[in-house]
C-alpha atoms as a PDB file:
ATOM      1  CA  UNK A   1      -4.490 -18.703 -12.767  1.00  0.00           C
ATOM      2  CA  UNK A   2      -6.736 -16.256 -10.939  1.00  0.00           C
ATOM      3  CA  UNK A   3      -5.713 -13.273  -8.941  1.00  0.00           C
ATOM      4  CA  UNK A   4      -6.963 -15.152  -5.827  1.00  0.00           C
ATOM      5  CA  UNK A   5      -4.637 -18.074  -6.555  1.00  0.00           C
ATOM      6  CA  UNK A   6      -1.768 -15.923  -7.367  1.00  0.00           C
ATOM      7  CA  UNK A   7      -2.094 -14.150  -3.831  1.00  0.00           C
ATOM      8  CA  UNK A   8      -0.507 -17.381  -2.394  1.00  0.00           C
ATOM      9  CA  UNK A   9       2.581 -16.531  -4.402  1.00  0.00           C
ATOM     10  CA  UNK A  10       2.492 -12.693  -3.361  1.00  0.00           C
ATOM     11  CA  UNK A  11       2.157 -13.749   0.380  1.00  0.00           C
ATOM     12  CA  UNK A  12       5.214 -16.080   0.007  1.00  0.00           C
ATOM     13  CA  UNK A  13       7.302 -13.570  -1.827  1.00  0.00           C
ATOM     14  CA  UNK A  14       6.633 -10.687   0.690  1.00  0.00           C
ATOM     15  CA  UNK A  15       6.831 -12.869   3.670  1.00  0.00           C
ATOM     16  CA  UNK A  16      10.302 -14.112   2.541  1.00  0.00           C
ATOM     17  CA  UNK A  17      11.799 -10.612   1.756  1.00  0.00           C
ATOM     18  CA  UNK A  18      10.024  -8.633   4.572  1.00  0.00           C
ATOM     19  CA  UNK A  19      13.196  -7.487   6.347  1.00  0.00           C
ATOM     20  CA  UNK A  20      15.040  -6.756   3.019  1.00  0.00           C
ATOM     21  CA  UNK A  21      12.160  -4.662   1.900  1.00  0.00           C
ATOM     22  CA  UNK A  22      12.074  -2.595   5.112  1.00  0.00           C
ATOM     23  CA  UNK A  23      15.690  -1.854   4.835  1.00  0.00           C
ATOM     24  CA  UNK A  24      14.883   0.400   1.987  1.00  0.00           C
ATOM     25  CA  UNK A  25      13.408   2.815   4.553  1.00  0.00           C
ATOM     26  CA  UNK A  26      16.001   2.073   7.361  1.00  0.00           C
ATOM     27  CA  UNK A  27      19.138   1.647   5.318  1.00  0.00           C
ATOM     28  CA  UNK A  28      20.066  -1.053   7.890  1.00  0.00           C
ATOM     29  CA  UNK A  29      22.718  -3.622   6.807  1.00  0.00           C
ATOM     30  CA  UNK A  30      23.081  -1.770   3.605  1.00  0.00           C
ATOM     31  CA  UNK A  31      26.206  -0.239   2.070  1.00  0.00           C
ATOM     32  CA  UNK A  32      26.243   3.646   1.255  1.00  0.00           C
ATOM     33  CA  UNK A  33      26.347   2.459  -2.399  1.00  0.00           C
ATOM     34  CA  UNK A  34      23.103   0.274  -1.849  1.00  0.00           C
ATOM     35  CA  UNK A  35      21.463   3.197   0.031  1.00  0.00           C
ATOM     36  CA  UNK A  36      22.242   5.648  -2.765  1.00  0.00           C
ATOM     37  CA  UNK A  37      20.884   3.232  -5.430  1.00  0.00           C
ATOM     38  CA  UNK A  38      17.654   2.894  -3.469  1.00  0.00           C
ATOM     39  CA  UNK A  39      17.266   6.547  -3.382  1.00  0.00           C
ATOM     40  CA  UNK A  40      17.960   6.771  -7.091  1.00  0.00           C
ATOM     41  CA  UNK A  41      16.072   3.659  -8.444  1.00  0.00           C
ATOM     42  CA  UNK A  42      13.428   3.291  -5.796  1.00  0.00           C
ATOM     43  CA  UNK A  43      12.534   6.854  -5.279  1.00  0.00           C
ATOM     44  CA  UNK A  44       8.884   6.160  -5.681  1.00  0.00           C
ATOM     45  CA  UNK A  45       8.986   4.392  -2.318  1.00  0.00           C
ATOM     46  CA  UNK A  46       9.655   7.682  -0.477  1.00  0.00           C
ATOM     47  CA  UNK A  47       7.739   9.851  -2.833  1.00  0.00           C
ATOM     48  CA  UNK A  48       4.485   7.929  -2.335  1.00  0.00           C
ATOM     49  CA  UNK A  49       4.788   8.399   1.473  1.00  0.00           C
ATOM     50  CA  UNK A  50       5.155  11.976   0.999  1.00  0.00           C
ATOM     51  CA  UNK A  51       2.214  12.077  -1.274  1.00  0.00           C
ATOM     52  CA  UNK A  52      -0.132  10.124   1.177  1.00  0.00           C
ATOM     53  CA  UNK A  53       0.760  12.323   4.106  1.00  0.00           C
ATOM     54  CA  UNK A  54       0.313  15.501   2.031  1.00  0.00           C
ATOM     55  CA  UNK A  55      -3.099  14.312   0.788  1.00  0.00           C
ATOM     56  CA  UNK A  56      -4.501  13.103   3.959  1.00  0.00           C
ATOM     57  CA  UNK A  57      -5.702  16.439   5.239  1.00  0.00           C
ATOM     58  CA  UNK A  58      -5.798  17.057   9.002  1.00  0.00           C
ATOM     59  CA  UNK A  59      -4.628  13.784  10.447  1.00  0.00           C
ATOM     60  CA  UNK A  60      -5.110  14.406  14.165  1.00  0.00           C
ATOM     61  CA  UNK A  61      -8.293  12.435  15.315  1.00  0.00           C
ATOM     62  CA  UNK A  62      -8.780  10.476  12.138  1.00  0.00           C
ATOM     63  CA  UNK A  63      -9.433   6.737  11.924  1.00  0.00           C
ATOM     64  CA  UNK A  64      -7.409   5.256   9.106  1.00  0.00           C
ATOM     65  CA  UNK A  65      -6.927   1.875   7.440  1.00  0.00           C
ATOM     66  CA  UNK A  66      -3.918   0.984   5.498  1.00  0.00           C
ATOM     67  CA  UNK A  67      -4.710  -2.046   2.941  1.00  0.00           C
ATOM     68  CA  UNK A  68      -1.545  -3.854   2.229  1.00  0.00           C
ATOM     69  CA  UNK A  69       0.485  -2.124   5.126  1.00  0.00           C
ATOM     70  CA  UNK A  70       3.625  -4.127   4.661  1.00  0.00           C
ATOM     71  CA  UNK A  71       6.242  -3.258   7.428  1.00  0.00           C
ATOM     72  CA  UNK A  72       4.046  -0.539   8.865  1.00  0.00           C
ATOM     73  CA  UNK A  73       5.735   2.657   7.746  1.00  0.00           C
ATOM     74  CA  UNK A  74       2.636   4.495   6.791  1.00  0.00           C
ATOM     75  CA  UNK A  75       0.710   3.105   9.942  1.00  0.00           C
ATOM     76  CA  UNK A  76       3.637   4.261  12.201  1.00  0.00           C
ATOM     77  CA  UNK A  77       3.632   7.754  10.472  1.00  0.00           C
ATOM     78  CA  UNK A  78      -0.214   8.264  10.806  1.00  0.00           C
ATOM     79  CA  UNK A  79       0.099   7.464  14.455  1.00  0.00           C
ATOM     80  CA  UNK A  80       3.051   9.670  14.962  1.00  0.00           C
ATOM     81  CA  UNK A  81       0.900  12.539  13.228  1.00  0.00           C
ATOM     82  CA  UNK A  82      -1.773  12.078  15.788  1.00  0.00           C
ATOM     83  CA  UNK A  83      -4.368   9.692  14.172  1.00  0.00           C
ATOM     84  CA  UNK A  84      -6.912   8.421  16.634  1.00  0.00           C
ATOM     85  CA  UNK A  85      -6.775   4.854  15.302  1.00  0.00           C
ATOM     86  CA  UNK A  86      -4.967   3.138  12.563  1.00  0.00           C
ATOM     87  CA  UNK A  87      -5.439  -0.399  11.286  1.00  0.00           C
ATOM     88  CA  UNK A  88      -2.966  -2.098   9.086  1.00  0.00           C
ATOM     89  CA  UNK A  89      -4.025  -5.180   6.891  1.00  0.00           C
ATOM     90  CA  UNK A  90      -1.567  -7.517   5.252  1.00  0.00           C
ATOM     91  CA  UNK A  91      -1.237 -11.014   3.966  1.00  0.00           C
ATOM     92  CA  UNK A  92       2.362 -11.483   5.065  1.00  0.00           C
ATOM     93  CA  UNK A  93       2.843 -12.340   8.737  1.00  0.00           C
ATOM     94  CA  UNK A  94       6.494 -11.424   8.713  1.00  0.00           C
ATOM     95  CA  UNK A  95       5.617  -7.951   7.471  1.00  0.00           C
ATOM     96  CA  UNK A  96       3.033  -7.582  10.297  1.00  0.00           C
ATOM     97  CA  UNK A  97       5.683  -8.546  12.844  1.00  0.00           C
ATOM     98  CA  UNK A  98       7.893  -5.800  11.657  1.00  0.00           C
ATOM     99  CA  UNK A  99       4.999  -3.325  11.714  1.00  0.00           C
ATOM    100  CA  UNK A 100       3.931  -4.290  15.238  1.00  0.00           C
ATOM    101  CA  UNK A 101       7.496  -3.980  16.437  1.00  0.00           C
ATOM    102  CA  UNK A 102       7.822  -0.617  14.804  1.00  0.00           C
ATOM    103  CA  UNK A 103       4.676   0.886  16.461  1.00  0.00           C
ATOM    104  CA  UNK A 104       5.561  -0.619  19.757  1.00  0.00           C
ATOM    105  CA  UNK A 105       9.006   0.950  19.625  1.00  0.00           C
ATOM    106  CA  UNK A 106       7.334   4.331  18.832  1.00  0.00           C
ATOM    107  CA  UNK A 107       4.917   3.812  21.760  1.00  0.00           C
ATOM    108  CA  UNK A 108       1.872   3.786  19.531  1.00  0.00           C
ATOM    109  CA  UNK A 109       0.688   0.245  20.174  1.00  0.00           C
ATOM    110  CA  UNK A 110      -2.479   1.533  21.714  1.00  0.00           C
ATOM    111  CA  UNK A 111      -3.526   3.479  18.709  1.00  0.00           C
ATOM    112  CA  UNK A 112      -2.583   0.802  16.034  1.00  0.00           C
ATOM    113  CA  UNK A 113      -3.988  -2.737  15.232  1.00  0.00           C
ATOM    114  CA  UNK A 114      -2.822  -5.162  12.703  1.00  0.00           C
ATOM    115  CA  UNK A 115      -4.933  -7.741  10.869  1.00  0.00           C
ATOM    116  CA  UNK A 116      -3.476 -10.743   9.045  1.00  0.00           C
ATOM    117  CA  UNK A 117      -5.924 -10.920   6.035  1.00  0.00           C
ATOM    118  CA  UNK A 118      -6.414 -10.282   2.290  1.00  0.00           C
ATOM    119  CA  UNK A 119      -8.924  -7.379   2.079  1.00  0.00           C
ATOM    120  CA  UNK A 120     -10.817  -9.657  -0.230  1.00  0.00           C
ATOM    121  CA  UNK A 121     -11.720 -11.896   2.701  1.00  0.00           C
ATOM    122  CA  UNK A 122     -11.461  -9.552   5.558  1.00  0.00           C
ATOM    123  CA  UNK A 123     -14.824  -9.161   7.382  1.00  0.00           C
ATOM    124  CA  UNK A 124     -15.260  -5.917   9.274  1.00  0.00           C
ATOM    125  CA  UNK A 125     -18.240  -3.657  10.097  1.00  0.00           C
ATOM    126  CA  UNK A 126     -15.857  -0.748  10.867  1.00  0.00           C
ATOM    127  CA  UNK A 127     -15.580   2.326   8.703  1.00  0.00           C
ATOM    128  CA  UNK A 128     -12.788   4.741   8.365  1.00  0.00           C
ATOM    129  CA  UNK A 129     -12.294   8.424   7.685  1.00  0.00           C
ATOM    130  CA  UNK A 130      -9.475   7.531   5.224  1.00  0.00           C
ATOM    131  CA  UNK A 131      -8.401   4.296   3.618  1.00  0.00           C
ATOM    132  CA  UNK A 132      -5.189   3.776   1.640  1.00  0.00           C
ATOM    133  CA  UNK A 133      -3.904   1.150  -0.653  1.00  0.00           C
ATOM    134  CA  UNK A 134      -0.213   1.807  -1.522  1.00  0.00           C
ATOM    135  CA  UNK A 135       1.826  -0.872  -3.246  1.00  0.00           C
ATOM    136  CA  UNK A 136      -1.104  -3.222  -3.328  1.00  0.00           C
ATOM    137  CA  UNK A 137      -2.430  -3.014  -6.848  1.00  0.00           C
ATOM    138  CA  UNK A 138       0.948  -3.942  -8.327  1.00  0.00           C
ATOM    139  CA  UNK A 139      -0.047  -7.566  -7.358  1.00  0.00           C
ATOM    140  CA  UNK A 140      -3.682  -7.791  -8.082  1.00  0.00           C
ATOM    141  CA  UNK A 141      -4.706  -8.608 -11.793  1.00  0.00           C
ATOM    142  CA  UNK A 142      -8.330  -7.958 -11.153  1.00  0.00           C
ATOM    143  CA  UNK A 143      -8.942  -5.191  -8.678  1.00  0.00           C
ATOM    144  CA  UNK A 144     -12.771  -4.890  -8.759  1.00  0.00           C
ATOM    145  CA  UNK A 145     -13.772  -7.008  -5.917  1.00  0.00           C
ATOM    146  CA  UNK A 146     -11.317  -5.782  -3.573  1.00  0.00           C
ATOM    147  CA  UNK A 147     -12.081  -2.124  -4.455  1.00  0.00           C
ATOM    148  CA  UNK A 148     -15.857  -2.803  -3.766  1.00  0.00           C
ATOM    149  CA  UNK A 149     -14.782  -4.104  -0.128  1.00  0.00           C
ATOM    150  CA  UNK A 150     -12.578  -0.988   0.307  1.00  0.00           C
ATOM    151  CA  UNK A 151     -15.413   1.309  -0.648  1.00  0.00           C
ATOM    152  CA  UNK A 152     -17.754  -0.202   2.023  1.00  0.00           C
ATOM    153  CA  UNK A 153     -15.317   0.703   4.654  1.00  0.00           C
ATOM    154  CA  UNK A 154     -14.343   4.226   3.484  1.00  0.00           C
ATOM    155  CA  UNK A 155     -16.428   7.118   4.653  1.00  0.00           C
ATOM    156  CA  UNK A 156     -14.093   9.905   3.711  1.00  0.00           C
ATOM    157  CA  UNK A 157     -11.032   9.670   1.267  1.00  0.00           C
ATOM    158  CA  UNK A 158      -9.406   6.739  -0.407  1.00  0.00           C
ATOM    159  CA  UNK A 159      -5.837   7.157  -1.415  1.00  0.00           C
ATOM    160  CA  UNK A 160      -4.247   4.656  -3.888  1.00  0.00           C
ATOM    161  CA  UNK A 161      -1.193   4.271  -5.789  1.00  0.00           C
ATOM    162  CA  UNK A 162      -1.092   2.251  -9.063  1.00  0.00           C
ATOM    163  CA  UNK A 163       2.106   1.162 -11.102  1.00  0.00           C
ATOM    164  CA  UNK A 164       1.975   2.907 -14.438  1.00  0.00           C
ATOM    165  CA  UNK A 165       1.963   0.873 -17.626  1.00  0.00           C
ATOM    166  CA  UNK A 166       4.992   1.240 -19.827  1.00  0.00           C
ATOM    167  CA  UNK A 167       7.672   3.068 -17.953  1.00  0.00           C
ATOM    168  CA  UNK A 168      11.290   2.119 -18.380  1.00  0.00           C
ATOM    169  CA  UNK A 169      11.089   0.328 -15.010  1.00  0.00           C
ATOM    170  CA  UNK A 170       8.145  -1.718 -15.977  1.00  0.00           C
ATOM    171  CA  UNK A 171       9.875  -4.465 -18.001  1.00  0.00           C
ATOM    172  CA  UNK A 172      12.736  -4.629 -15.342  1.00  0.00           C
ATOM    173  CA  UNK A 173      10.148  -5.203 -12.595  1.00  0.00           C
ATOM    174  CA  UNK A 174       8.219  -7.717 -14.622  1.00  0.00           C
ATOM    175  CA  UNK A 175      11.178  -9.836 -15.329  1.00  0.00           C
ATOM    176  CA  UNK A 176      12.676  -9.659 -11.904  1.00  0.00           C
ATOM    177  CA  UNK A 177       9.485 -10.511  -9.878  1.00  0.00           C
ATOM    178  CA  UNK A 178       8.280 -13.165 -12.434  1.00  0.00           C
ATOM    179  CA  UNK A 179      11.771 -14.866 -12.020  1.00  0.00           C
ATOM    180  CA  UNK A 180      11.298 -14.525  -8.215  1.00  0.00           C
ATOM    181  CA  UNK A 181       7.834 -16.221  -8.361  1.00  0.00           C
ATOM    182  CA  UNK A 182       5.665 -13.111  -7.748  1.00  0.00           C
ATOM    183  CA  UNK A 183       3.238 -11.776 -10.335  1.00  0.00           C
ATOM    184  CA  UNK A 184       3.112  -7.965 -11.008  1.00  0.00           C
ATOM    185  CA  UNK A 185       0.632  -5.879 -13.051  1.00  0.00           C
ATOM    186  CA  UNK A 186       0.597  -2.402 -14.431  1.00  0.00           C
ATOM    187  CA  UNK A 187      -2.270  -0.102 -15.319  1.00  0.00           C
ATOM    188  CA  UNK A 188      -3.024   2.659 -17.801  1.00  0.00           C
ATOM    189  CA  UNK A 189      -4.818   5.882 -16.634  1.00  0.00           C
ATOM    190  CA  UNK A 190      -8.078   5.022 -18.157  1.00  0.00           C
ATOM    191  CA  UNK A 191      -8.019   1.544 -16.380  1.00  0.00           C
ATOM    192  CA  UNK A 192      -7.511   3.160 -13.091  1.00  0.00           C
ATOM    193  CA  UNK A 193     -10.288   5.514 -13.558  1.00  0.00           C
ATOM    194  CA  UNK A 194     -12.711   2.865 -14.571  1.00  0.00           C
ATOM    195  CA  UNK A 195     -11.860   0.507 -11.740  1.00  0.00           C
ATOM    196  CA  UNK A 196     -12.380   3.302  -9.130  1.00  0.00           C
ATOM    197  CA  UNK A 197     -15.669   4.727 -10.777  1.00  0.00           C
ATOM    198  CA  UNK A 198     -17.053   1.210 -11.100  1.00  0.00           C
ATOM    199  CA  UNK A 199     -16.422   0.452  -7.423  1.00  0.00           C
ATOM    200  CA  UNK A 200     -18.305   3.617  -6.386  1.00  0.00           C
ATOM    201  CA  UNK A 201     -15.547   6.171  -6.050  1.00  0.00           C
ATOM    202  CA  UNK A 202     -15.493   9.668  -7.346  1.00  0.00           C
ATOM    203  CA  UNK A 203     -12.013  10.919  -8.260  1.00  0.00           C
ATOM    204  CA  UNK A 204     -10.830  14.151  -6.816  1.00  0.00           C
ATOM    205  CA  UNK A 205      -7.255  14.236  -8.068  1.00  0.00           C
ATOM    206  CA  UNK A 206      -5.054  12.183 -10.323  1.00  0.00           C
ATOM    207  CA  UNK A 207      -1.381  12.636 -10.178  1.00  0.00           C
ATOM    208  CA  UNK A 208       1.601  11.073 -11.724  1.00  0.00           C
ATOM    209  CA  UNK A 209       4.354  10.534  -8.965  1.00  0.00           C
ATOM    210  CA  UNK A 210       7.331   8.988 -10.555  1.00  0.00           C
ATOM    211  CA  UNK A 211       6.349   5.589 -11.943  1.00  0.00           C
ATOM    212  CA  UNK A 212       3.007   5.758 -10.188  1.00  0.00           C
ATOM    213  CA  UNK A 213      -0.398   7.054 -10.675  1.00  0.00           C
ATOM    214  CA  UNK A 214      -1.530   8.540  -7.281  1.00  0.00           C
ATOM    215  CA  UNK A 215      -5.372   9.004  -6.892  1.00  0.00           C
ATOM    216  CA  UNK A 216      -7.342  10.812  -4.279  1.00  0.00           C
ATOM    217  CA  UNK A 217     -10.918   9.588  -4.422  1.00  0.00           C
ATOM    218  CA  UNK A 218     -14.076   9.810  -2.315  1.00  0.00           C
ATOM    219  CA  UNK A 219     -17.146   7.571  -2.059  1.00  0.00           C
ATOM    220  CA  UNK A 220     -20.047   8.571  -4.293  1.00  0.00           C
END
């Protein structure tokens, strides 16, 4: 099965669990124990948000695109910090509904736009000061073509997070998501470097953040 075919499964999985996933951020309808377990075992979820905001430079006035925006937590935070325009792209309509509701509640609807698409197929002539892809590559077996599309729309920095190959969490995620019908993939450092460089990016920094590789890159 190609990664394009597997995107059907990815879309269904994330569409079905949209509210449960967003509850990791909000804690809504979760017991104190569940919230504590999220903080312990899903710490990367919070760490990657902190890393992106720390790595984004001066956010006020920026145009930003979040590829695989999910429930809009990054989009909303960029808007809150003064971004001029933020576009979120995702394949799961239920995620996009949560994202739109979030920015509307924040009063940032005029700054934010959401696109229901796979970046592989999204046709846009717009370019952005910053693009991000966080929690996307976990579900993409062959990143090359999507990375080339992201390169075309990136005029400043590209921030991406990649699940590390062979951590204690890797086999747990592999079994859990495979049983749930969702493919998941992991990457070694040299693979991430090669993918980014082949797509036309120059790596500025390469950090290990929990179970993730977090990479700040620029177009060459």
